[in-house]
C-alpha atoms as a PDB file:
ATOM      1  CA  MET A   1       0.000   0.000   0.000  1.00  0.00           C
ATOM      2  CA  THR A   2       1.323   3.412  -0.927  1.00  0.00           C
ATOM      3  CA  SER A   3      -1.335   5.575   0.816  1.00  0.00           C
ATOM      4  CA  LYS A   4      -1.532   6.324   4.501  1.00  0.00           C
ATOM      5  CA  HIS A   5      -4.816   4.472   5.009  1.00  0.00           C
ATOM      6  CA  ILE A   6      -6.097   1.126   3.771  1.00  0.00           C
ATOM      7  CA  PRO A   7      -7.844   1.213   0.350  1.00  0.00           C
ATOM      8  CA  ALA A   8     -11.484   0.091   0.203  1.00  0.00           C
ATOM      9  CA  ASP A   9     -10.635  -2.913  -1.991  1.00  0.00           C
ATOM     10  CA  ASP A  10      -8.272  -4.205   0.663  1.00  0.00           C
ATOM     11  CA  PHE A  11     -11.060  -4.021   3.246  1.00  0.00           C
ATOM     12  CA  VAL A  12     -13.189  -6.319   1.107  1.00  0.00           C
ATOM     13  CA  ALA A  13     -10.276  -8.723   0.638  1.00  0.00           C
ATOM     14  CA  TYR A  14      -9.594  -8.595   4.385  1.00  0.00           C
ATOM     15  CA  ILE A  15     -13.199  -9.389   5.277  1.00  0.00           C
ATOM     16  CA  TYR A  16     -13.463 -12.319   2.856  1.00  0.00           C
ATOM     17  CA  ARG A  17      -9.942 -13.589   3.701  1.00  0.00           C
ATOM     18  CA  THR A  18      -8.508 -13.531   0.187  1.00  0.00           C
ATOM     19  CA  LEU A  19      -5.211 -11.951   1.298  1.00  0.00           C
ATOM     20  CA  ASP A  20      -2.055 -13.951   1.815  1.00  0.00           C
ATOM     21  CA  ASP A  21      -0.487 -14.175   5.271  1.00  0.00           C
ATOM     22  CA  ALA A  22       2.023 -11.358   4.729  1.00  0.00           C
ATOM     23  CA  GLN A  23      -0.655  -8.934   3.527  1.00  0.00           C
ATOM     24  CA  ARG A  24      -3.007  -9.829   6.355  1.00  0.00           C
ATOM     25  CA  GLU A  25      -0.296  -9.395   8.986  1.00  0.00           C
ATOM     26  CA  PHE A  26       0.540  -5.986   7.521  1.00  0.00           C
ATOM     27  CA  LEU A  27      -3.106  -4.912   7.649  1.00  0.00           C
ATOM     28  CA  ASP A  28      -3.497  -6.263  11.203  1.00  0.00           C
ATOM     29  CA  ALA A  29      -0.516  -4.180  12.323  1.00  0.00           C
ATOM     30  CA  HIS A  30      -1.935  -1.062  10.630  1.00  0.00           C
ATOM     31  CA  LEU A  31      -5.397  -1.594  12.136  1.00  0.00           C
ATOM     32  CA  LEU A  32      -3.940  -1.820  15.627  1.00  0.00           C
ATOM     33  CA  GLU A  33      -2.498   1.675  15.233  1.00  0.00           C
ATOM     34  CA  CYS A  34      -5.130   3.416  13.062  1.00  0.00           C
ATOM     35  CA  ALA A  35      -8.527   4.132  14.621  1.00  0.00           C
ATOM     36  CA  SER A  36      -9.792   5.632  11.340  1.00  0.00           C
ATOM     37  CA  CYS A  37      -9.171   2.437   9.397  1.00  0.00           C
ATOM     38  CA  ARG A  38     -10.736   0.344  12.156  1.00  0.00           C
ATOM     39  CA  SER A  39     -13.865   2.485  11.887  1.00  0.00           C
ATOM     40  CA  ARG A  40     -13.905   2.167   8.089  1.00  0.00           C
ATOM     41  CA  LEU A  41     -13.435  -1.596   8.406  1.00  0.00           C
ATOM     42  CA  ALA A  42     -16.428  -1.815  10.755  1.00  0.00           C
ATOM     43  CA  GLU A  43     -18.523   0.207   8.291  1.00  0.00           C
ATOM     44  CA  GLN A  44     -17.454  -2.032   5.406  1.00  0.00           C
ATOM     45  CA  GLU A  45     -18.320  -5.161   7.398  1.00  0.00           C
ATOM     46  CA  MET A  46     -21.768  -3.704   8.104  1.00  0.00           C
ATOM     47  CA  ARG A  47     -22.297  -2.970   4.391  1.00  0.00           C
ATOM     48  CA  GLU A  48     -21.243  -6.500   3.464  1.00  0.00           C
ATOM     49  CA  ARG A  49     -23.688  -7.930   6.017  1.00  0.00           C
ATOM     50  CA  HIS A  50     -26.497  -5.800   4.588  1.00  0.00           C
ATOM     51  CA  ILE A  51     -25.673  -6.999   1.069  1.00  0.00           C
ATOM     52  CA  SER A  52     -25.624 -10.605   2.249  1.00  0.00           C
ATOM     53  CA  ASN A  53     -28.934 -10.219   4.109  1.00  0.00           C
ATOM     54  CA  ASP A  54     -30.573  -8.543   1.094  1.00  0.00           C
ATOM     55  CA  LEU A  55     -29.363 -11.345  -1.153  1.00  0.00           C
ATOM     56  CA  LYS A  56     -30.704 -14.011   1.197  1.00  0.00           C
ATOM     57  CA  ALA A  57     -34.045 -12.219   1.384  1.00  0.00           C
ATOM     58  CA  ALA A  58     -34.251 -12.035  -2.417  1.00  0.00           C
ATOM     59  CA  LEU A  59     -33.448 -15.724  -2.738  1.00  0.00           C
ATOM     60  CA  ASN A  60     -36.108 -16.635  -0.200  1.00  0.00           C
ATOM     61  CA  PHE A  61     -38.771 -14.950  -2.340  1.00  0.00           C
ATOM     62  CA  ALA A  62     -37.504 -16.357  -5.641  1.00  0.00           C
ATOM     63  CA  ALA A  63     -39.783 -19.027  -7.098  1.00  0.00           C
ATOM     64  CA  PRO A  64     -37.926 -22.186  -8.232  1.00  0.00           C
ATOM     65  CA  SER A  65     -38.529 -23.528 -11.718  1.00  0.00           C
ATOM     66  CA  GLY A  66     -40.284 -26.799 -12.387  1.00  0.00           C
ATOM     67  CA  GLN A  67     -36.954 -28.483 -13.008  1.00  0.00           C
ATOM     68  CA  MET A  68     -35.850 -27.739  -9.462  1.00  0.00           C
ATOM     69  CA  SER A  69     -37.828 -30.563  -7.875  1.00  0.00           C
ATOM     70  CA  PHE A  70     -36.388 -32.542  -4.999  1.00  0.00           C
ATOM     71  CA  ALA A  71     -36.012 -35.658  -7.126  1.00  0.00           C
ATOM     72  CA  ALA A  72     -33.938 -33.704  -9.653  1.00  0.00           C
ATOM     73  CA  VAL A  73     -31.535 -32.098  -7.222  1.00  0.00           C
ATOM     74  CA  ALA A  74     -31.269 -34.799  -4.519  1.00  0.00           C
ATOM     75  CA  PRO A  75     -28.348 -36.722  -6.135  1.00  0.00           C
ATOM     76  CA  SER A  76     -26.228 -33.605  -6.492  1.00  0.00           C
ATOM     77  CA  LEU A  77     -27.038 -32.523  -2.937  1.00  0.00           C
ATOM     78  CA  LYS A  78     -25.940 -35.890  -1.615  1.00  0.00           C
ATOM     79  CA  ASN A  79     -22.635 -35.747  -3.474  1.00  0.00           C
ATOM     80  CA  THR A  80     -22.008 -32.165  -2.370  1.00  0.00           C
ATOM     81  CA  ARG A  81     -22.583 -33.099   1.238  1.00  0.00           C
ATOM     82  CA  LEU A  82     -20.047 -35.912   1.025  1.00  0.00           C
ATOM     83  CA  GLU A  83     -17.517 -33.713  -0.748  1.00  0.00           C
ATOM     84  CA  ARG A  84     -17.907 -30.930   1.795  1.00  0.00           C
ATOM     85  CA  ASN A  85     -17.864 -33.077   4.932  1.00  0.00           C
ATOM     86  CA  THR A  86     -15.574 -31.009   7.109  1.00  0.00           C
ATOM     87  CA  TRP A  87     -14.260 -33.867   9.203  1.00  0.00           C
ATOM     88  CA  LEU A  88     -13.200 -35.870   6.125  1.00  0.00           C
ATOM     89  CA  ASP A  89     -11.022 -32.954   5.029  1.00  0.00           C
ATOM     90  CA  ARG A  90      -7.345 -33.654   5.682  1.00  0.00           C
ATOM     91  CA  THR A  91      -6.744 -30.016   6.621  1.00  0.00           C
ATOM     92  CA  VAL A  92      -9.143 -30.491   9.535  1.00  0.00           C
ATOM     93  CA  PHE A  93      -8.729 -34.156  10.447  1.00  0.00           C
ATOM     94  CA  VAL A  94      -4.917 -34.233  10.754  1.00  0.00           C
ATOM     95  CA  PRO A  95      -4.384 -31.250  13.098  1.00  0.00           C
ATOM     96  CA  THR A  96      -7.493 -32.160  15.103  1.00  0.00           C
ATOM     97  CA  ALA A  97      -6.260 -35.728  15.596  1.00  0.00           C
ATOM     98  CA  LEU A  98      -2.774 -34.493  16.522  1.00  0.00           C
ATOM     99  CA  VAL A  99      -4.004 -31.938  19.050  1.00  0.00           C
ATOM    100  CA  LEU A 100      -6.436 -34.379  20.707  1.00  0.00           C
ATOM    101  CA  THR A 101      -3.727 -37.045  20.958  1.00  0.00           C
ATOM    102  CA  GLY A 102      -1.266 -34.561  22.417  1.00  0.00           C
ATOM    103  CA  PHE A 103      -3.808 -33.260  24.919  1.00  0.00           C
ATOM    104  CA  ALA A 104      -4.644 -36.807  26.024  1.00  0.00           C
ATOM    105  CA  PHE A 105      -0.945 -37.500  26.675  1.00  0.00           C
ATOM    106  CA  ALA A 106      -0.707 -34.211  28.628  1.00  0.00           C
ATOM    107  CA  VAL A 107      -3.620 -35.241  30.866  1.00  0.00           C
ATOM    108  CA  PHE A 108      -2.138 -38.725  31.356  1.00  0.00           C
ATOM    109  CA  GLY A 109       1.235 -37.206  32.214  1.00  0.00           C
ATOM    110  CA  LEU A 110      -0.287 -34.820  34.771  1.00  0.00           C
ATOM    111  CA  LEU A 111      -2.376 -37.583  36.373  1.00  0.00           C
ATOM    112  CA  ASN A 112       0.670 -39.852  36.432  1.00  0.00           C
ATOM    113  CA  ALA A 113       2.725 -37.157  38.189  1.00  0.00           C
ATOM    114  CA  ILE A 114      -0.032 -36.653  40.766  1.00  0.00           C
ATOM    115  CA  GLY A 115      -0.309 -40.418  41.332  1.00  0.00           C
ATOM    116  CA  ARG A 116       3.439 -40.730  41.883  1.00  0.00           C
ATOM    117  CA  GLN A 117       3.424 -37.677  44.189  1.00  0.00           C
ATOM    118  CA  ALA A 118       5.961 -36.034  41.906  1.00  0.00           C
ATOM    119  CA  PHE A 119       4.884 -32.596  43.163  1.00  0.00           C
ATOM    120  CA  THR A 120       6.229 -33.360  46.651  1.00  0.00           C
ATOM    121  CA  ALA A 121       9.223 -35.586  45.840  1.00  0.00           C
ATOM    122  CA  SER A 122      11.507 -36.179  42.869  1.00  0.00           C
ATOM    123  CA  GLN A 123       9.893 -38.805  40.674  1.00  0.00           C
ATOM    124  CA  PRO A 124      10.330 -39.698  36.977  1.00  0.00           C
ATOM    125  CA  LEU A 125       7.594 -38.167  34.841  1.00  0.00           C
ATOM    126  CA  GLY A 126       7.569 -40.916  32.236  1.00  0.00           C
ATOM    127  CA  ALA A 127       7.108 -40.577  28.493  1.00  0.00           C
ATOM    128  CA  PHE A 128       3.614 -39.022  28.448  1.00  0.00           C
ATOM    129  CA  PRO A 129       4.696 -35.344  28.759  1.00  0.00           C
ATOM    130  CA  THR A 130       7.330 -35.737  26.026  1.00  0.00           C
ATOM    131  CA  LEU A 131       4.849 -37.418  23.692  1.00  0.00           C
ATOM    132  CA  SER A 132       2.317 -34.679  24.449  1.00  0.00           C
ATOM    133  CA  CYS A 133       4.761 -31.921  23.463  1.00  0.00           C
ATOM    134  CA  PHE A 134       5.633 -33.805  20.288  1.00  0.00           C
ATOM    135  CA  PHE A 135       2.039 -34.184  19.088  1.00  0.00           C
ATOM    136  CA  LEU A 136       0.943 -30.692  20.152  1.00  0.00           C
ATOM    137  CA  ALA A 137       3.951 -29.126  18.421  1.00  0.00           C
ATOM    138  CA  LEU A 138       3.108 -31.065  15.252  1.00  0.00           C
ATOM    139  CA  ALA A 139      -0.470 -29.763  15.419  1.00  0.00           C
ATOM    140  CA  SER A 140       0.720 -26.153  15.612  1.00  0.00           C
ATOM    141  CA  LEU A 141       3.396 -26.690  12.950  1.00  0.00           C
ATOM    142  CA  GLU A 142       0.671 -28.022  10.672  1.00  0.00           C
ATOM    143  CA  GLN A 143      -0.905 -24.550  10.661  1.00  0.00           C
ATOM    144  CA  LEU A 144       2.227 -22.613   9.707  1.00  0.00           C
ATOM    145  CA  ASP A 145       1.572 -23.488   6.061  1.00  0.00           C
ATOM    146  CA  SER A 146      -1.175 -21.135   4.915  1.00  0.00           C
ATOM    147  CA  SER A 147      -2.370 -23.668   2.343  1.00  0.00           C
ATOM    148  CA  ILE A 148      -3.583 -26.022   5.109  1.00  0.00           C
ATOM    149  CA  SER A 149      -4.790 -23.501   7.658  1.00  0.00           C
ATOM    150  CA  LEU A 150      -7.894 -23.958   9.800  1.00  0.00           C
ATOM    151  CA  ARG A 151      -8.611 -20.225   9.795  1.00  0.00           C
ATOM    152  CA  PRO A 152     -11.678 -20.363   7.508  1.00  0.00           C
ATOM    153  CA  ARG A 153     -13.322 -22.758   9.990  1.00  0.00           C
ATOM    154  CA  ARG A 154     -13.609 -20.506  13.009  1.00  0.00           C
ATOM    155  CA  ALA A 155     -15.200 -22.959  15.443  1.00  0.00           C
ATOM    156  CA  ILE A 156     -12.596 -25.644  14.760  1.00  0.00           C
ATOM    157  CA  THR A 157      -9.800 -23.085  14.892  1.00  0.00           C
ATOM    158  CA  TRP A 158     -10.958 -21.923  18.319  1.00  0.00           C
ATOM    159  CA  ALA A 159     -11.192 -25.515  19.574  1.00  0.00           C
ATOM    160  CA  VAL A 160      -7.680 -26.388  18.370  1.00  0.00           C
ATOM    161  CA  ALA A 161      -6.211 -23.176  19.824  1.00  0.00           C
ATOM    162  CA  VAL A 162      -7.883 -23.688  23.219  1.00  0.00           C
ATOM    163  CA  ILE A 163      -6.691 -27.288  23.424  1.00  0.00           C
ATOM    164  CA  LEU A 164      -3.159 -26.222  22.481  1.00  0.00           C
ATOM    165  CA  TRP A 165      -3.232 -23.580  25.207  1.00  0.00           C
ATOM    166  CA  LEU A 166      -4.525 -26.022  27.841  1.00  0.00           C
ATOM    167  CA  GLY A 167      -1.992 -28.655  26.782  1.00  0.00           C
ATOM    168  CA  SER A 168       0.905 -26.200  27.044  1.00  0.00           C
ATOM    169  CA  ALA A 169      -0.412 -25.103  30.465  1.00  0.00           C
ATOM    170  CA  PHE A 170      -0.373 -28.700  31.733  1.00  0.00           C
ATOM    171  CA  ILE A 171       3.082 -29.327  30.301  1.00  0.00           C
ATOM    172  CA  GLY A 172       4.288 -26.093  31.923  1.00  0.00           C
ATOM    173  CA  LEU A 173       3.395 -27.474  35.359  1.00  0.00           C
ATOM    174  CA  LEU A 174       5.441 -30.582  34.655  1.00  0.00           C
ATOM    175  CA  ASP A 175       8.319 -28.442  33.387  1.00  0.00           C
ATOM    176  CA  LEU A 176       8.422 -26.797  36.824  1.00  0.00           C
ATOM    177  CA  LEU A 177       9.031 -30.223  38.352  1.00  0.00           C
ATOM    178  CA  VAL A 178      11.868 -30.839  35.905  1.00  0.00           C
ATOM    179  CA  LEU A 179      13.439 -27.463  36.770  1.00  0.00           C
ATOM    180  CA  ARG A 180      13.173 -28.298  40.462  1.00  0.00           C
ATOM    181  CA  ASP A 181      14.924 -31.632  39.956  1.00  0.00           C
ATOM    182  CA  LEU A 182      17.598 -29.998  37.777  1.00  0.00           C
ATOM    183  CA  ALA A 183      18.284 -27.441  40.519  1.00  0.00           C
ATOM    184  CA  ILE A 184      18.671 -30.226  43.079  1.00  0.00           C
ATOM    185  CA  MET A 185      20.957 -32.172  40.760  1.00  0.00           C
ATOM    186  CA  GLY A 186      23.040 -29.066  40.115  1.00  0.00           C
ATOM    187  CA  VAL A 187      23.539 -28.226  43.800  1.00  0.00           C
ATOM    188  CA  ILE A 188      24.466 -31.807  44.678  1.00  0.00           C
ATOM    189  CA  ALA A 189      26.861 -32.010  41.746  1.00  0.00           C
ATOM    190  CA  MET A 190      28.634 -28.782  42.784  1.00  0.00           C
ATOM    191  CA  ASP A 191      29.074 -29.245  46.554  1.00  0.00           C
ATOM    192  CA  GLY A 192      27.665 -32.705  47.270  1.00  0.00           C
ATOM    193  CA  ARG A 193      25.384 -31.430  50.052  1.00  0.00           C
ATOM    194  CA  HIS A 194      21.682 -32.156  50.134  1.00  0.00           C
ATOM    195  CA  ALA A 195      20.990 -29.519  52.814  1.00  0.00           C
ATOM    196  CA  THR A 196      21.306 -26.577  50.464  1.00  0.00           C
ATOM    197  CA  ALA A 197      19.515 -28.272  47.581  1.00  0.00           C
ATOM    198  CA  GLY A 198      16.047 -27.781  49.091  1.00  0.00           C
ATOM    199  CA  PRO A 199      16.107 -23.963  49.363  1.00  0.00           C
ATOM    200  CA  ILE A 200      17.668 -23.628  45.907  1.00  0.00           C
ATOM    201  CA  ALA A 201      14.955 -25.868  44.468  1.00  0.00           C
ATOM    202  CA  ILE A 202      12.228 -23.778  46.149  1.00  0.00           C
ATOM    203  CA  ILE A 203      13.663 -20.550  44.741  1.00  0.00           C
ATOM    204  CA  THR A 204      13.944 -22.119  41.283  1.00  0.00           C
ATOM    205  CA  VAL A 205      10.321 -23.300  41.346  1.00  0.00           C
ATOM    206  CA  PHE A 206       9.135 -19.904  42.640  1.00  0.00           C
ATOM    207  CA  LEU A 207      10.890 -18.005  39.862  1.00  0.00           C
ATOM    208  CA  GLY A 208       9.753 -20.549  37.279  1.00  0.00           C
ATOM    209  CA  ALA A 209       6.162 -20.304  38.549  1.00  0.00           C
ATOM    210  CA  MET A 210       6.183 -16.509  38.212  1.00  0.00           C
ATOM    211  CA  LEU A 211       7.381 -16.788  34.619  1.00  0.00           C
ATOM    212  CA  TYR A 212       4.867 -19.586  33.986  1.00  0.00           C
ATOM    213  CA  ILE A 213       1.901 -17.544  35.235  1.00  0.00           C
ATOM    214  CA  GLY A 214       2.951 -14.478  33.261  1.00  0.00           C
ATOM    215  CA  PHE A 215       3.511 -16.462  30.091  1.00  0.00           C
ATOM    216  CA  ILE A 216       0.224 -18.368  30.380  1.00  0.00           C
ATOM    217  CA  ILE A 217      -1.818 -15.205  30.957  1.00  0.00           C
ATOM    218  CA  GLY A 218       0.061 -13.144  28.380  1.00  0.00           C
ATOM    219  CA  GLY A 219      -0.069 -15.984  25.867  1.00  0.00           C
ATOM    220  CA  ALA A 220      -3.813 -16.368  26.358  1.00  0.00           C
ATOM    221  CA  GLU A 221      -4.357 -12.660  25.621  1.00  0.00           C
ATOM    222  CA  TYR A 222      -2.140 -12.799  22.546  1.00  0.00           C
ATOM    223  CA  HIS A 223      -3.832 -15.915  21.144  1.00  0.00           C
ATOM    224  CA  TYR A 224      -7.274 -14.418  21.818  1.00  0.00           C
ATOM    225  CA  LYS A 225      -6.412 -11.297  19.823  1.00  0.00           C
ATOM    226  CA  ASN A 226      -4.681 -13.219  17.021  1.00  0.00           C
ATOM    227  CA  ILE A 227      -6.741 -16.396  16.838  1.00  0.00           C
ATOM    228  CA  GLY A 228      -5.969 -18.338  13.678  1.00  0.00           C
ATOM    229  CA  GLN A 229      -3.182 -15.972  12.597  1.00  0.00           C
ATOM    230  CA  PRO A 230       0.342 -17.220  11.719  1.00  0.00           C
ATOM    231  CA  GLY A 231       1.807 -15.400  14.718  1.00  0.00           C
ATOM    232  CA  SER A 232      -0.441 -17.349  17.089  1.00  0.00           C
ATOM    233  CA  TRP A 233       0.550 -20.712  15.600  1.00  0.00           C
ATOM    234  CA  LYS A 234       4.232 -19.692  15.691  1.00  0.00           C
ATOM    235  CA  LEU A 235       3.999 -18.787  19.381  1.00  0.00           C
ATOM    236  CA  PHE A 236       2.370 -22.153  20.136  1.00  0.00           C
ATOM    237  CA  THR A 237       5.132 -23.929  18.223  1.00  0.00           C
ATOM    238  CA  VAL A 238       7.982 -22.057  19.951  1.00  0.00           C
ATOM    239  CA  THR A 239       6.387 -22.548  23.376  1.00  0.00           C
ATOM    240  CA  LEU A 240       5.882 -26.277  22.934  1.00  0.00           C
ATOM    241  CA  LEU A 241       9.354 -26.847  21.499  1.00  0.00           C
ATOM    242  CA  GLY A 242      10.815 -24.944  24.470  1.00  0.00           C
ATOM    243  CA  GLN A 243       8.802 -27.075  26.876  1.00  0.00           C
ATOM    244  CA  LEU A 244       9.945 -30.207  25.066  1.00  0.00           C
ATOM    245  CA  PHE A 245      13.565 -29.101  25.445  1.00  0.00           C
ATOM    246  CA  ILE A 246      13.111 -28.691  29.223  1.00  0.00           C
ATOM    247  CA  LEU A 247      11.559 -32.159  29.486  1.00  0.00           C
ATOM    248  CA  ILE A 248      14.461 -33.867  27.700  1.00  0.00           C
ATOM    249  CA  LEU A 249      17.190 -31.699  29.293  1.00  0.00           C
ATOM    250  CA  PRO A 250      17.814 -34.120  32.200  1.00  0.00           C
ATOM    251  CA  TYR A 251      18.552 -36.893  29.700  1.00  0.00           C
ATOM    252  CA  LEU A 252      20.965 -34.633  27.797  1.00  0.00           C
ATOM    253  CA  ILE A 253      23.108 -33.661  30.805  1.00  0.00           C
ATOM    254  CA  ARG A 254      23.426 -37.088  32.357  1.00  0.00           C
END
C-alpha cells in the first residue's frame, strides 16, 4: 500500500480472507495503530452484512422452476454433502487428531505425576509429557503453512487453539518439576550437600512459577487477539518446542 490508510478494496479482501499471510499481517498491524481504518473496516463489514442479508431475502422470495424438484436435485445434494464433509477434510482431520492425541498424553502425564506424588518428591515423569509436546507441536506446525490452515473454519480453529493452550499449560506445570529436579541435581553435583539443595529448588520453582503464570496469561491474551493468525501458531510452536527441550534436558546432561 502506498497511501496512509487502507484502500477500500483491501477491506473487502480482508473481510473475505482472500489476502495472503504477509498482507493480512501488515493490515493487522496497521489496524492496531489506526482508529480511522478500524472504523472504516467496521462500516465495510456492516455494508457487506447488509448486502448478504438482502441477497438471502431475495433468494427466499424467488420461485424455483419446475426443473428444481427434490427428485432432480437430490443426487447432487448428496454428493455435495459428502464432498464438503468437514471432518473428512485432511486439513481439519490431521491437526485435530494431533491436538487431541497430544492433549490426552498431557492429561495422562499430569495424572501420572499426581499419582506418583511427583509434586512433593523427585519422581520420573515418564514418556507421556514428552509425547504430548511432540504431538501438540506437530499440530501447531501443521498450521504454519497457509495452504492447510484452519482459519476459515472458526469454530474448529478456536477448539484447536484452546486445546493447544490447555496442553501447554499442563506441560508447563510438569516443566516446573523438571526445573526443580535440575536445581537439586546441580547443587548436589557442585558441593555434594543435600541440605542446600532444598532452598535452591524452592527458589527455582518460585521463579519458574512466576514466569509460567505471566507467560500463560500473556499468551492467552495474545492468542485471543490473534486467533488463527500465523503469529499465534508460531507462538504455540515455539512454546511447545521450548517445553519439550526442558523435558528432555535431564537426559541430555546425564
